[in-house]
């Protein structure tokens, strides 16, 4: 099990994180976008995460 980044802790549960990581292994996409596509985070939360990382 991979550790969830602290930036995601306010938004995502460990169960949601694990599901997104399993999907990422199949699809090779950005886990933040996968979380958004699954409806686990809003577009505003996605924007906040990307802004924190300098995107």
Protein backbone atom coordinates (compact mmCIF):
# COMPACT_ATOMS: atom_id res chain seq x y z
CA UNK A 1 0.00 0.00 0.00
CA UNK A 2 1.40 3.37 -0.99
CA UNK A 3 1.28 6.27 1.41
CA UNK A 4 -1.14 9.06 0.58
CA UNK A 5 0.52 12.48 0.12
CA UNK A 6 -0.30 14.91 2.92
CA UNK A 7 -1.70 17.38 0.36
CA UNK A 8 -4.56 14.94 -0.30
CA UNK A 9 -5.40 14.19 3.34
CA UNK A 10 -8.04 16.96 3.69
CA UNK A 11 -9.85 15.77 0.55
CA UNK A 12 -9.58 11.98 0.19
CA UNK A 13 -10.10 8.97 2.42
CA UNK A 14 -7.54 6.13 2.44
CA UNK A 15 -10.10 3.87 0.73
CA UNK A 16 -10.59 6.37 -2.12
CA UNK A 17 -6.81 6.80 -2.41
CA UNK A 18 -6.26 3.04 -2.72
CA UNK A 19 -8.91 2.73 -5.43
CA UNK A 20 -7.39 5.61 -7.40
CA UNK A 21 -3.90 4.06 -7.12
CA UNK A 22 -5.20 0.71 -8.45
CA UNK A 23 -6.79 2.50 -11.41
CA UNK A 24 -3.58 4.46 -11.98
CA UNK A 25 -1.62 1.20 -12.29
CA UNK A 26 -3.94 0.17 -15.15
CA UNK A 27 -4.26 3.53 -16.89
CA UNK A 28 -0.92 5.22 -16.11
CA UNK A 29 -2.61 8.59 -15.48
CA UNK A 30 -2.10 11.30 -12.88
CA UNK A 31 -3.69 10.11 -9.63
CA UNK A 32 -5.15 13.58 -8.94
CA UNK A 33 -7.03 13.51 -12.25
CA UNK A 34 -8.24 10.00 -11.51
CA UNK A 35 -9.55 11.15 -8.11
CA UNK A 36 -11.41 13.97 -9.85
CA UNK A 37 -12.83 11.69 -12.57
CA UNK A 38 -14.12 9.30 -9.90
CA UNK A 39 -15.83 12.23 -8.15
CA UNK A 40 -13.73 11.96 -4.99
CA UNK A 41 -12.50 15.56 -5.32
CA UNK A 42 -14.13 18.60 -6.93
CA UNK A 43 -12.65 20.63 -9.76
CA UNK A 44 -11.88 23.34 -7.19
CA UNK A 45 -9.98 20.90 -4.98
CA UNK A 46 -8.08 19.65 -8.04
CA UNK A 47 -7.15 23.25 -8.91
CA UNK A 48 -5.97 23.85 -5.33
CA UNK A 49 -3.79 20.73 -5.40
CA UNK A 50 -2.26 21.71 -8.74
CA UNK A 51 -1.67 25.28 -7.54
CA UNK A 52 0.13 24.02 -4.42
CA UNK A 53 2.51 22.06 -6.63
CA UNK A 54 3.20 24.98 -8.95
CA UNK A 55 1.21 23.96 -12.02
